[in-house]
Amino acid sequence: MVLTFDQEGTGHCLYGELLDLRAIGTLACRRASHIEFEEESQEWRVPPPGRQQVLFTNPSRTVCEEWEHDHLQPE
């Protein structure tokens, strides 16, 4: 998990339960993507929220979660 802070002191990360972030303050969470199963292709897909565009697909949901973590982590 990578936790970065902006100039105003707000932290940004791809959320996971590795660290209890509630210990450092109030959380506000927004989805970076929505991993969902596509029945036609029998694969999991990673689209950004509210869009039909697909960023990544794989038969394994775990692989999609790993892709999401590696590619949608804030810099």
PDB file of N, CA and C in Angstrom:
ATOM      1  N   MET A   1       0.853  -1.176   0.000  1.00  0.00           N
ATOM      2  CA  MET A   1       0.000   0.000   0.000  1.00  0.00           C
ATOM      3  C   MET A   1       0.898   1.237   0.000  1.00  0.00           C
ATOM      4  N   VAL A   2       0.565   2.183  -0.862  1.00  0.00           N
ATOM      5  CA  VAL A   2       1.278   3.458  -0.917  1.00  0.00           C
ATOM      6  C   VAL A   2       0.303   4.539  -0.478  1.00  0.00           C
ATOM      7  N   LEU A   3       0.678   5.279   0.558  1.00  0.00           N
ATOM      8  CA  LEU A   3      -0.155   6.362   1.077  1.00  0.00           C
ATOM      9  C   LEU A   3       0.596   7.662   0.841  1.00  0.00           C
ATOM     10  N   THR A   4       0.018   8.541   0.026  1.00  0.00           N
ATOM     11  CA  THR A   4       0.646   9.834  -0.248  1.00  0.00           C
ATOM     12  C   THR A   4      -0.245  10.944   0.297  1.00  0.00           C
ATOM     13  N   PHE A   5       0.363  12.081   0.587  1.00  0.00           N
ATOM     14  CA  PHE A   5      -0.360  13.231   1.111  1.00  0.00           C
ATOM     15  C   PHE A   5      -0.152  14.425   0.197  1.00  0.00           C
ATOM     16  N   ASP A   6      -1.237  15.160  -0.074  1.00  0.00           N
ATOM     17  CA  ASP A   6      -1.128  16.352  -0.909  1.00  0.00           C
ATOM     18  C   ASP A   6      -0.756  17.566  -0.051  1.00  0.00           C
ATOM     19  N   GLN A   7      -0.685  18.731  -0.684  1.00  0.00           N
ATOM     20  CA  GLN A   7      -0.276  19.970   0.002  1.00  0.00           C
ATOM     21  C   GLN A   7      -1.186  20.323   1.177  1.00  0.00           C
ATOM     22  N   GLU A   8      -2.470  19.937   1.082  1.00  0.00           N
ATOM     23  CA  GLU A   8      -3.429  20.253   2.146  1.00  0.00           C
ATOM     24  C   GLU A   8      -3.399  19.219   3.271  1.00  0.00           C
ATOM     25  N   GLY A   9      -2.598  18.175   3.115  1.00  0.00           N
ATOM     26  CA  GLY A   9      -2.508  17.148   4.143  1.00  0.00           C
ATOM     27  C   GLY A   9      -3.493  16.004   3.979  1.00  0.00           C
ATOM     28  N   THR A  10      -4.191  15.948   2.833  1.00  0.00           N
ATOM     29  CA  THR A  10      -5.126  14.868   2.568  1.00  0.00           C
ATOM     30  C   THR A  10      -4.366  13.668   2.022  1.00  0.00           C
ATOM     31  N   GLY A  11      -4.608  12.501   2.605  1.00  0.00           N
ATOM     32  CA  GLY A  11      -3.950  11.280   2.157  1.00  0.00           C
ATOM     33  C   GLY A  11      -4.702  10.637   1.010  1.00  0.00           C
ATOM     34  N   HIS A  12      -3.975   9.989   0.118  1.00  0.00           N
ATOM     35  CA  HIS A  12      -4.550   9.304  -1.038  1.00  0.00           C
ATOM     36  C   HIS A  12      -3.893   7.935  -1.171  1.00  0.00           C
ATOM     37  N   CYS A  13      -4.717   6.905  -1.418  1.00  0.00           N
ATOM     38  CA  CYS A  13      -4.188   5.561  -1.644  1.00  0.00           C
ATOM     39  C   CYS A  13      -5.264   4.692  -2.267  1.00  0.00           C
ATOM     40  N   LEU A  14      -4.845   3.542  -2.767  1.00  0.00           N
ATOM     41  CA  LEU A  14      -5.788   2.528  -3.184  1.00  0.00           C
ATOM     42  C   LEU A  14      -6.093   1.743  -1.922  1.00  0.00           C
ATOM     43  N   TYR A  15      -7.324   1.829  -1.447  1.00  0.00           N
ATOM     44  CA  TYR A  15      -7.693   1.314  -0.134  1.00  0.00           C
ATOM     45  C   TYR A  15      -7.537  -0.192  -0.030  1.00  0.00           C
ATOM     46  N   GLY A  16      -7.025  -0.592   1.082  1.00  0.00           N
ATOM     47  CA  GLY A  16      -6.937  -1.995   1.461  1.00  0.00           C
ATOM     48  C   GLY A  16      -7.046  -2.044   2.971  1.00  0.00           C
ATOM     49  N   GLU A  17      -7.213  -3.203   3.512  1.00  0.00           N
ATOM     50  CA  GLU A  17      -7.362  -3.297   4.961  1.00  0.00           C
ATOM     51  C   GLU A  17      -6.058  -3.672   5.654  1.00  0.00           C
ATOM     52  N   LEU A  18      -4.949  -3.520   4.947  1.00  0.00           N
ATOM     53  CA  LEU A  18      -3.640  -3.790   5.528  1.00  0.00           C
ATOM     54  C   LEU A  18      -3.381  -2.872   6.720  1.00  0.00           C
ATOM     55  N   LEU A  19      -3.765  -1.614   6.580  1.00  0.00           N
ATOM     56  CA  LEU A  19      -3.641  -0.632   7.660  1.00  0.00           C
ATOM     57  C   LEU A  19      -5.032  -0.120   8.013  1.00  0.00           C
ATOM     58  N   ASP A  20      -5.291   0.082   9.287  1.00  0.00           N
ATOM     59  CA  ASP A  20      -6.572   0.664   9.707  1.00  0.00           C
ATOM     60  C   ASP A  20      -6.461   2.179   9.579  1.00  0.00           C
ATOM     61  N   LEU A  21      -6.868   2.699   8.421  1.00  0.00           N
ATOM     62  CA  LEU A  21      -6.729   4.135   8.159  1.00  0.00           C
ATOM     63  C   LEU A  21      -7.634   4.983   9.040  1.00  0.00           C
ATOM     64  N   ARG A  22      -8.639   4.387   9.649  1.00  0.00           N
ATOM     65  CA  ARG A  22      -9.505   5.148  10.562  1.00  0.00           C
ATOM     66  C   ARG A  22      -8.723   5.630  11.773  1.00  0.00           C
ATOM     67  N   ALA A  23      -7.591   5.011  12.043  1.00  0.00           N
ATOM     68  CA  ALA A  23      -6.769   5.403  13.189  1.00  0.00           C
ATOM     69  C   ALA A  23      -6.140   6.787  13.000  1.00  0.00           C
ATOM     70  N   ILE A  24      -6.060   7.253  11.745  1.00  0.00           N
ATOM     71  CA  ILE A  24      -5.452   8.572  11.517  1.00  0.00           C
ATOM     72  C   ILE A  24      -6.458   9.644  11.130  1.00  0.00           C
ATOM     73  N   GLY A  25      -7.731   9.288  11.042  1.00  0.00           N
ATOM     74  CA  GLY A  25      -8.734  10.308  10.733  1.00  0.00           C
ATOM     75  C   GLY A  25      -9.950   9.750  10.030  1.00  0.00           C
ATOM     76  N   THR A  26     -10.806  10.674   9.618  1.00  0.00           N
ATOM     77  CA  THR A  26     -12.047  10.323   8.935  1.00  0.00           C
ATOM     78  C   THR A  26     -11.755   9.938   7.492  1.00  0.00           C
ATOM     79  N   LEU A  27     -12.399   8.871   7.026  1.00  0.00           N
ATOM     80  CA  LEU A  27     -12.199   8.398   5.653  1.00  0.00           C
ATOM     81  C   LEU A  27     -13.244   8.965   4.706  1.00  0.00           C
ATOM     82  N   ALA A  28     -12.825   9.234   3.487  1.00  0.00           N
ATOM     83  CA  ALA A  28     -13.722   9.516   2.359  1.00  0.00           C
ATOM     84  C   ALA A  28     -13.210   8.636   1.226  1.00  0.00           C
ATOM     85  N   CYS A  29     -14.045   7.735   0.744  1.00  0.00           N
ATOM     86  CA  CYS A  29     -13.605   6.770  -0.271  1.00  0.00           C
ATOM     87  C   CYS A  29     -14.351   6.969  -1.578  1.00  0.00           C
ATOM     88  N   ARG A  30     -13.593   6.916  -2.686  1.00  0.00           N
ATOM     89  CA  ARG A  30     -14.164   6.943  -4.021  1.00  0.00           C
ATOM     90  C   ARG A  30     -13.574   5.771  -4.785  1.00  0.00           C
ATOM     91  N   ARG A  31     -14.393   5.134  -5.584  1.00  0.00           N
ATOM     92  CA  ARG A  31     -13.936   3.980  -6.347  1.00  0.00           C
ATOM     93  C   ARG A  31     -13.014   4.405  -7.487  1.00  0.00           C
ATOM     94  N   ALA A  32     -11.888   3.719  -7.623  1.00  0.00           N
ATOM     95  CA  ALA A  32     -10.994   3.933  -8.757  1.00  0.00           C
ATOM     96  C   ALA A  32     -11.476   3.131  -9.959  1.00  0.00           C
ATOM     97  N   SER A  33     -12.126   2.010  -9.681  1.00  0.00           N
ATOM     98  CA  SER A  33     -12.680   1.160 -10.726  1.00  0.00           C
ATOM     99  C   SER A  33     -13.756   0.295 -10.096  1.00  0.00           C
ATOM    100  N   HIS A  34     -14.420  -0.472 -10.935  1.00  0.00           N
ATOM    101  CA  HIS A  34     -15.423  -1.437 -10.486  1.00  0.00           C
ATOM    102  C   HIS A  34     -15.107  -2.757 -11.170  1.00  0.00           C
ATOM    103  N   ILE A  35     -14.544  -3.695 -10.450  1.00  0.00           N
ATOM    104  CA  ILE A  35     -14.247  -5.001 -11.032  1.00  0.00           C
ATOM    105  C   ILE A  35     -15.564  -5.771 -11.126  1.00  0.00           C
ATOM    106  N   GLU A  36     -15.899  -6.192 -12.337  1.00  0.00           N
ATOM    107  CA  GLU A  36     -17.169  -6.897 -12.539  1.00  0.00           C
ATOM    108  C   GLU A  36     -16.983  -8.053 -13.510  1.00  0.00           C
ATOM    109  N   PHE A  37     -17.859  -9.039 -13.410  1.00  0.00           N
ATOM    110  CA  PHE A  37     -17.766 -10.235 -14.256  1.00  0.00           C
ATOM    111  C   PHE A  37     -18.570 -10.045 -15.529  1.00  0.00           C
ATOM    112  N   GLU A  38     -17.961 -10.368 -16.653  1.00  0.00           N
ATOM    113  CA  GLU A  38     -18.608 -10.286 -17.959  1.00  0.00           C
ATOM    114  C   GLU A  38     -18.980 -11.703 -18.392  1.00  0.00           C
ATOM    115  N   GLU A  39     -20.267 -12.002 -18.374  1.00  0.00           N
ATOM    116  CA  GLU A  39     -20.727 -13.361 -18.670  1.00  0.00           C
ATOM    117  C   GLU A  39     -20.383 -13.808 -20.088  1.00  0.00           C
ATOM    118  N   GLU A  40     -20.512 -12.907 -21.047  1.00  0.00           N
ATOM    119  CA  GLU A  40     -20.273 -13.273 -22.444  1.00  0.00           C
ATOM    120  C   GLU A  40     -18.845 -13.764 -22.668  1.00  0.00           C
ATOM    121  N   SER A  41     -17.868 -13.030 -22.133  1.00  0.00           N
ATOM    122  CA  SER A  41     -16.462 -13.411 -22.321  1.00  0.00           C
ATOM    123  C   SER A  41     -15.946 -14.335 -21.222  1.00  0.00           C
ATOM    124  N   GLN A  42     -16.736 -14.474 -20.135  1.00  0.00           N
ATOM    125  CA  GLN A  42     -16.340 -15.280 -18.979  1.00  0.00           C
ATOM    126  C   GLN A  42     -15.039 -14.768 -18.364  1.00  0.00           C
ATOM    127  N   GLU A  43     -14.926 -13.444 -18.321  1.00  0.00           N
ATOM    128  CA  GLU A  43     -13.750 -12.808 -17.720  1.00  0.00           C
ATOM    129  C   GLU A  43     -14.193 -11.690 -16.780  1.00  0.00           C
ATOM    130  N   TRP A  44     -13.315 -11.375 -15.856  1.00  0.00           N
ATOM    131  CA  TRP A  44     -13.498 -10.198 -15.007  1.00  0.00           C
ATOM    132  C   TRP A  44     -12.964  -9.003 -15.761  1.00  0.00           C
ATOM    133  N   ARG A  45     -13.590  -7.858 -15.589  1.00  0.00           N
ATOM    134  CA  ARG A  45     -13.132  -6.651 -16.280  1.00  0.00           C
ATOM    135  C   ARG A  45     -13.031  -5.495 -15.297  1.00  0.00           C
ATOM    136  N   VAL A  46     -12.153  -4.568 -15.625  1.00  0.00           N
ATOM    137  CA  VAL A  46     -11.898  -3.405 -14.773  1.00  0.00           C
ATOM    138  C   VAL A  46     -12.230  -2.136 -15.555  1.00  0.00           C
ATOM    139  N   PRO A  47     -13.465  -1.623 -15.425  1.00  0.00           N
ATOM    140  CA  PRO A  47     -13.785  -0.327 -16.040  1.00  0.00           C
ATOM    141  C   PRO A  47     -13.717   0.777 -14.987  1.00  0.00           C
ATOM    142  N   PRO A  48     -13.450   2.014 -15.397  1.00  0.00           N
ATOM    143  CA  PRO A  48     -13.553   3.109 -14.440  1.00  0.00           C
ATOM    144  C   PRO A  48     -15.013   3.312 -14.050  1.00  0.00           C
ATOM    145  N   PRO A  49     -15.297   3.888 -12.878  1.00  0.00           N
ATOM    146  CA  PRO A  49     -16.693   4.047 -12.460  1.00  0.00           C
ATOM    147  C   PRO A  49     -17.505   4.866 -13.457  1.00  0.00           C
ATOM    148  N   GLY A  50     -18.692   4.377 -13.779  1.00  0.00           N
ATOM    149  CA  GLY A  50     -19.621   5.108 -14.638  1.00  0.00           C
ATOM    150  C   GLY A  50     -19.294   5.087 -16.116  1.00  0.00           C
ATOM    151  N   ARG A  51     -18.336   4.268 -16.534  1.00  0.00           N
ATOM    152  CA  ARG A  51     -17.953   4.235 -17.948  1.00  0.00           C
ATOM    153  C   ARG A  51     -17.993   2.816 -18.482  1.00  0.00           C
ATOM    154  N   GLN A  52     -18.174   2.688 -19.771  1.00  0.00           N
ATOM    155  CA  GLN A  52     -18.187   1.384 -20.422  1.00  0.00           C
ATOM    156  C   GLN A  52     -16.787   0.952 -20.858  1.00  0.00           C
ATOM    157  N   GLN A  53     -15.868   1.911 -20.972  1.00  0.00           N
ATOM    158  CA  GLN A  53     -14.500   1.602 -21.367  1.00  0.00           C
ATOM    159  C   GLN A  53     -13.921   0.548 -20.413  1.00  0.00           C
ATOM    160  N   VAL A  54     -13.178  -0.406 -20.924  1.00  0.00           N
ATOM    161  CA  VAL A  54     -12.560  -1.438 -20.094  1.00  0.00           C
ATOM    162  C   VAL A  54     -11.059  -1.192 -20.047  1.00  0.00           C
ATOM    163  N   LEU A  55     -10.513  -1.122 -18.845  1.00  0.00           N
ATOM    164  CA  LEU A  55      -9.091  -0.865 -18.669  1.00  0.00           C
ATOM    165  C   LEU A  55      -8.262  -2.146 -18.706  1.00  0.00           C
ATOM    166  N   PHE A  56      -8.877  -3.260 -18.253  1.00  0.00           N
ATOM    167  CA  PHE A  56      -8.142  -4.515 -18.146  1.00  0.00           C
ATOM    168  C   PHE A  56      -9.137  -5.659 -18.006  1.00  0.00           C
ATOM    169  N   THR A  57      -8.822  -6.843 -18.551  1.00  0.00           N
ATOM    170  CA  THR A  57      -9.655  -8.035 -18.367  1.00  0.00           C
ATOM    171  C   THR A  57      -8.768  -9.231 -18.071  1.00  0.00           C
ATOM    172  N   ASN A  58      -9.341 -10.199 -17.343  1.00  0.00           N
ATOM    173  CA  ASN A  58      -8.631 -11.434 -17.042  1.00  0.00           C
ATOM    174  C   ASN A  58      -9.630 -12.437 -16.492  1.00  0.00           C
ATOM    175  N   PRO A  59      -9.422 -13.738 -16.717  1.00  0.00           N
ATOM    176  CA  PRO A  59     -10.320 -14.734 -16.136  1.00  0.00           C
ATOM    177  C   PRO A  59     -10.259 -14.780 -14.603  1.00  0.00           C
ATOM    178  N   SER A  60      -9.192 -14.250 -14.015  1.00  0.00           N
ATOM    179  CA  SER A  60      -9.012 -14.280 -12.564  1.00  0.00           C
ATOM    180  C   SER A  60      -9.350 -12.920 -11.944  1.00  0.00           C
ATOM    181  N   ARG A  61     -10.251 -12.921 -10.973  1.00  0.00           N
ATOM    182  CA  ARG A  61     -10.576 -11.679 -10.265  1.00  0.00           C
ATOM    183  C   ARG A  61      -9.370 -11.184  -9.473  1.00  0.00           C
ATOM    184  N   THR A  62      -8.604 -12.119  -8.917  1.00  0.00           N
ATOM    185  CA  THR A  62      -7.412 -11.751  -8.152  1.00  0.00           C
ATOM    186  C   THR A  62      -6.403 -11.017  -9.032  1.00  0.00           C
ATOM    187  N   VAL A  63      -6.222 -11.489 -10.258  1.00  0.00           N
ATOM    188  CA  VAL A  63      -5.301 -10.815 -11.190  1.00  0.00           C
ATOM    189  C   VAL A  63      -5.811  -9.408 -11.488  1.00  0.00           C
ATOM    190  N   CYS A  64      -7.133  -9.255 -11.648  1.00  0.00           N
ATOM    191  CA  CYS A  64      -7.708  -7.922 -11.876  1.00  0.00           C
ATOM    192  C   CYS A  64      -7.487  -7.015 -10.666  1.00  0.00           C
ATOM    193  N   GLU A  65      -7.640  -7.563  -9.469  1.00  0.00           N
ATOM    194  CA  GLU A  65      -7.380  -6.767  -8.256  1.00  0.00           C
ATOM    195  C   GLU A  65      -5.913  -6.333  -8.197  1.00  0.00           C
ATOM    196  N   GLU A  66      -5.004  -7.242  -8.556  1.00  0.00           N
ATOM    197  CA  GLU A  66      -3.575  -6.908  -8.566  1.00  0.00           C
ATOM    198  C   GLU A  66      -3.277  -5.831  -9.618  1.00  0.00           C
ATOM    199  N   TRP A  67      -3.916  -5.952 -10.801  1.00  0.00           N
ATOM    200  CA  TRP A  67      -3.738  -4.935 -11.841  1.00  0.00           C
ATOM    201  C   TRP A  67      -4.230  -3.579 -11.340  1.00  0.00           C
ATOM    202  N   GLU A  68      -5.415  -3.581 -10.712  1.00  0.00           N
ATOM    203  CA  GLU A  68      -5.974  -2.352 -10.167  1.00  0.00           C
ATOM    204  C   GLU A  68      -5.001  -1.728  -9.173  1.00  0.00           C
ATOM    205  N   HIS A  69      -4.455  -2.537  -8.303  1.00  0.00           N
ATOM    206  CA  HIS A  69      -3.502  -2.041  -7.300  1.00  0.00           C
ATOM    207  C   HIS A  69      -2.245  -1.461  -7.956  1.00  0.00           C
ATOM    208  N   ASP A  70      -1.704  -2.162  -8.961  1.00  0.00           N
ATOM    209  CA  ASP A  70      -0.472  -1.717  -9.623  1.00  0.00           C
ATOM    210  C   ASP A  70      -0.659  -0.494 -10.510  1.00  0.00           C
ATOM    211  N   HIS A  71      -1.844  -0.336 -11.124  1.00  0.00           N
ATOM    212  CA  HIS A  71      -2.020   0.709 -12.129  1.00  0.00           C
ATOM    213  C   HIS A  71      -2.879   1.890 -11.692  1.00  0.00           C
ATOM    214  N   LEU A  72      -3.649   1.748 -10.637  1.00  0.00           N
ATOM    215  CA  LEU A  72      -4.533   2.838 -10.227  1.00  0.00           C
ATOM    216  C   LEU A  72      -4.128   3.451  -8.899  1.00  0.00           C
ATOM    217  N   GLN A  73      -2.972   3.084  -8.407  1.00  0.00           N
ATOM    218  CA  GLN A  73      -2.422   3.648  -7.178  1.00  0.00           C
ATOM    219  C   GLN A  73      -2.046   5.110  -7.435  1.00  0.00           C
ATOM    220  N   PRO A  74      -2.374   6.026  -6.534  1.00  0.00           N
ATOM    221  CA  PRO A  74      -1.955   7.417  -6.754  1.00  0.00           C
ATOM    222  C   PRO A  74      -0.440   7.536  -6.726  1.00  0.00           C
ATOM    223  N   GLU A  75       0.071   8.478  -7.511  1.00  0.00           N
ATOM    224  CA  GLU A  75       1.526   8.678  -7.567  1.00  0.00           C
ATOM    225  C   GLU A  75       1.959   9.668  -6.524  1.00  0.00           C
TER     226      GLU A  75
END
